[in-house]
């Protein structure tokens, strides 16, 4: 049954599914957790020098279907395998090779609706944002990496737009629900 009825059921499914993934990762050496705080990232794999923990987002488990969520588990298992075999993990060539073999994306899908959109004023480059990062609050201080033009930011729910730090401050004052 999907989604799982409890955090324990999610972790039981994740552990069981991990054992079926054709990857030489020591699943007995992994710690598993559920995050109820995560808002964008469906999963994360952490290595603290003593052990490896895979943390899965409860909200993602609720929003994704089973196949989508199992891709998240495979993605995080690749990171665990990297920590176990190389002592480090990332999204480089080693990761990409395993991701291709296991049918997962290099990045985990987001499960939250973005709040903001960053757009180049010259080329077609755009990026969704979930929070007010430095480039969102001061778009005039940054340039597009593709063409060098300035950015414009749109608050998607209100359609407010700004291109400067002052514009951001004014938009924040006018937008009722950020």
Protein backbone atom coordinates (compact mmCIF):
# COMPACT_ATOMS: atom_id res chain seq x y z
CA UNK A 1 0.00 0.00 0.00
CA UNK A 2 1.27 3.43 -0.86
CA UNK A 3 1.81 5.85 0.75
CA UNK A 4 2.93 4.08 3.90
CA UNK A 5 0.69 4.49 6.93
CA UNK A 6 3.49 5.42 9.32
CA UNK A 7 7.13 6.43 9.54
CA UNK A 8 8.02 2.91 10.64
CA UNK A 9 6.23 1.48 7.61
CA UNK A 10 8.14 3.85 5.32
CA UNK A 11 11.47 2.83 6.86
CA UNK A 12 10.57 -0.86 6.66
CA UNK A 13 9.76 -0.45 2.97
CA UNK A 14 12.95 1.53 2.32
CA UNK A 15 15.15 -1.07 4.04
CA UNK A 16 13.47 -3.95 2.25
CA UNK A 17 13.60 -2.21 -1.11
CA UNK A 18 17.27 -1.24 -0.60
CA UNK A 19 18.18 -4.90 -0.22
CA UNK A 20 16.71 -5.60 -3.67
CA UNK A 21 18.68 -2.88 -5.49
CA UNK A 22 21.54 -4.36 -7.56
CA UNK A 23 24.27 -2.24 -6.03
CA UNK A 24 27.15 -3.50 -3.87
CA UNK A 25 26.21 -1.36 -0.88
CA UNK A 26 26.29 -2.72 2.67
CA UNK A 27 22.69 -1.93 3.63
CA UNK A 28 23.22 -3.41 7.11
CA UNK A 29 25.67 -0.59 7.75
CA UNK A 30 23.14 2.15 6.99
CA UNK A 31 21.02 4.13 9.42
CA UNK A 32 17.62 5.26 8.16
CA UNK A 33 15.54 8.23 9.29
CA UNK A 34 12.35 10.02 8.32
CA UNK A 35 12.28 13.80 8.16
CA UNK A 36 9.01 15.62 8.77
CA UNK A 37 10.72 19.00 8.30
CA UNK A 38 12.07 18.61 4.75
CA UNK A 39 10.17 20.79 2.30
CA UNK A 40 12.02 20.29 -0.99
CA UNK A 41 14.59 17.53 -0.80
CA UNK A 42 13.06 14.05 -0.97
CA UNK A 43 16.11 12.35 0.45
CA UNK A 44 19.65 12.93 1.67
CA UNK A 45 22.59 10.68 2.44
CA UNK A 46 24.99 11.88 5.15
CA UNK A 47 28.34 10.51 6.22
CA UNK A 48 29.73 11.81 9.50
CA UNK A 49 32.92 9.76 9.63
CA UNK A 50 31.33 7.14 11.86
CA UNK A 51 28.33 6.08 9.86
CA UNK A 52 26.05 6.70 6.91
CA UNK A 53 22.48 7.88 7.38
CA UNK A 54 19.83 8.06 4.68
CA UNK A 55 17.06 10.48 5.60
CA UNK A 56 13.81 10.31 3.61
CA UNK A 57 11.20 13.07 3.52
CA UNK A 58 7.77 12.07 4.79
CA UNK A 59 6.07 14.70 2.62
CA UNK A 60 7.75 13.29 -0.48
CA UNK A 61 6.52 9.80 0.41
CA UNK A 62 3.00 11.23 0.68
CA UNK A 63 3.20 13.10 -2.65
CA UNK A 64 5.15 10.68 -4.84
CA UNK A 65 3.87 7.38 -6.11
CA UNK A 66 5.77 4.28 -5.06
CA UNK A 67 7.94 4.09 -8.21
CA UNK A 68 8.98 7.75 -7.86
CA UNK A 69 9.88 7.28 -4.23
CA UNK A 70 11.86 4.13 -4.95
CA UNK A 71 13.94 6.15 -7.43
CA UNK A 72 14.75 8.49 -4.53
CA UNK A 73 15.86 5.50 -2.46
CA UNK A 74 18.09 4.27 -5.31
CA UNK A 75 19.57 7.76 -5.69
CA UNK A 76 20.48 7.92 -2.00
CA UNK A 77 21.82 4.35 -2.07
CA UNK A 78 24.28 5.38 -4.78
CA UNK A 79 25.58 8.08 -2.44
CA UNK A 80 25.87 5.50 0.36
CA UNK A 81 27.75 3.15 -1.99
CA UNK A 82 30.10 6.00 -2.90
CA UNK A 83 30.82 6.74 0.76
CA UNK A 84 31.44 3.05 1.43
CA UNK A 85 33.70 2.49 -1.58
CA UNK A 86 35.41 5.86 -2.12
CA UNK A 87 34.99 7.73 1.16
CA UNK A 88 33.23 10.60 -0.60
CA UNK A 89 30.08 11.18 -2.61
CA UNK A 90 28.81 13.64 -5.17
CA UNK A 91 27.16 13.74 -8.57
CA UNK A 92 30.31 13.15 -10.63
CA UNK A 93 31.13 10.51 -13.23
CA UNK A 94 31.09 7.61 -10.73
CA UNK A 95 27.62 8.63 -9.53
CA UNK A 96 26.29 9.29 -13.05
CA UNK A 97 27.41 5.83 -14.22
CA UNK A 98 25.50 4.11 -11.41
CA UNK A 99 22.50 6.43 -11.81
CA UNK A 100 22.26 5.52 -15.48
CA UNK A 101 22.56 1.82 -14.68
CA UNK A 102 19.85 2.04 -11.98
CA UNK A 103 17.52 4.33 -13.95
CA UNK A 104 17.62 7.37 -11.68
CA UNK A 105 18.22 11.04 -12.25
CA UNK A 106 21.37 12.79 -11.10
CA UNK A 107 19.16 15.07 -9.00
CA UNK A 108 16.24 14.02 -6.86
CA UNK A 109 12.89 15.44 -7.91
CA UNK A 110 11.41 18.19 -5.78
CA UNK A 111 8.03 17.59 -4.21
CA UNK A 112 7.20 21.18 -3.30
CA UNK A 113 5.80 23.89 -5.50
CA UNK A 114 8.38 26.64 -6.05
CA UNK A 115 7.58 30.06 -4.68
CA UNK A 116 9.78 32.09 -7.00
CA UNK A 117 11.17 32.02 -10.53
CA UNK A 118 14.49 33.54 -11.47
CA UNK A 119 14.68 34.58 -15.15
CA UNK A 120 17.38 36.03 -17.33
CA UNK A 121 16.25 39.29 -18.94
CA UNK A 122 18.01 38.37 -22.19
CA UNK A 123 18.14 34.62 -22.84
CA UNK A 124 15.75 31.76 -22.08
CA UNK A 125 17.46 30.70 -18.81
CA UNK A 126 15.14 30.25 -15.81
CA UNK A 127 15.34 28.54 -12.43
CA UNK A 128 12.69 27.89 -9.83
CA UNK A 129 13.42 28.90 -6.25
CA UNK A 130 11.75 28.00 -2.98
CA UNK A 131 13.22 30.67 -0.71
CA UNK A 132 14.62 34.17 -0.79
CA UNK A 133 18.29 33.44 -1.51
CA UNK A 134 20.86 36.17 -2.16
CA UNK A 135 20.15 36.24 -5.87
CA UNK A 136 16.40 36.56 -5.17
CA UNK A 137 16.83 39.42 -2.70
CA UNK A 138 19.44 41.25 -4.80
CA UNK A 139 19.07 40.14 -8.41
CA UNK A 140 20.90 43.28 -9.61
CA UNK A 141 24.09 42.06 -7.90
CA UNK A 142 24.30 38.92 -10.09
CA UNK A 143 24.54 38.14 -13.79
CA UNK A 144 23.29 35.25 -15.90
CA UNK A 145 25.96 32.58 -16.26
CA UNK A 146 24.84 31.88 -19.84
CA UNK A 147 24.78 35.35 -21.38
CA UNK A 148 25.84 37.87 -18.71
CA UNK A 149 22.51 39.75 -18.63
CA UNK A 150 20.66 40.76 -15.46
CA UNK A 151 18.01 38.73 -13.66
CA UNK A 152 14.36 39.34 -12.93
CA UNK A 153 12.53 37.52 -10.15
CA UNK A 154 8.85 36.61 -10.11
CA UNK A 155 6.84 35.68 -7.03
CA UNK A 156 4.68 33.01 -8.66
CA UNK A 157 1.55 33.26 -6.49
CA UNK A 158 1.20 37.04 -6.83
CA UNK A 159 2.98 37.65 -10.18
CA UNK A 160 4.99 40.44 -8.51
CA UNK A 161 8.31 41.01 -10.30
CA UNK A 162 11.54 42.79 -9.36
CA UNK A 163 15.05 43.35 -10.68
CA UNK A 164 16.71 45.11 -7.73
CA UNK A 165 17.15 44.76 -3.97
CA UNK A 166 14.80 47.72 -3.49
CA UNK A 167 12.28 46.01 -5.76
CA UNK A 168 12.48 42.90 -3.59
CA UNK A 169 11.88 44.91 -0.41
CA UNK A 170 8.85 46.61 -1.98
CA UNK A 171 7.45 43.29 -3.21
CA UNK A 172 7.81 41.78 0.27
CA UNK A 173 5.80 44.67 1.69
CA UNK A 174 3.04 44.28 -0.91
CA UNK A 175 2.75 40.47 -0.94
CA UNK A 176 0.27 39.27 1.69
CA UNK A 177 1.22 35.59 1.64
CA UNK A 178 4.89 35.04 0.98
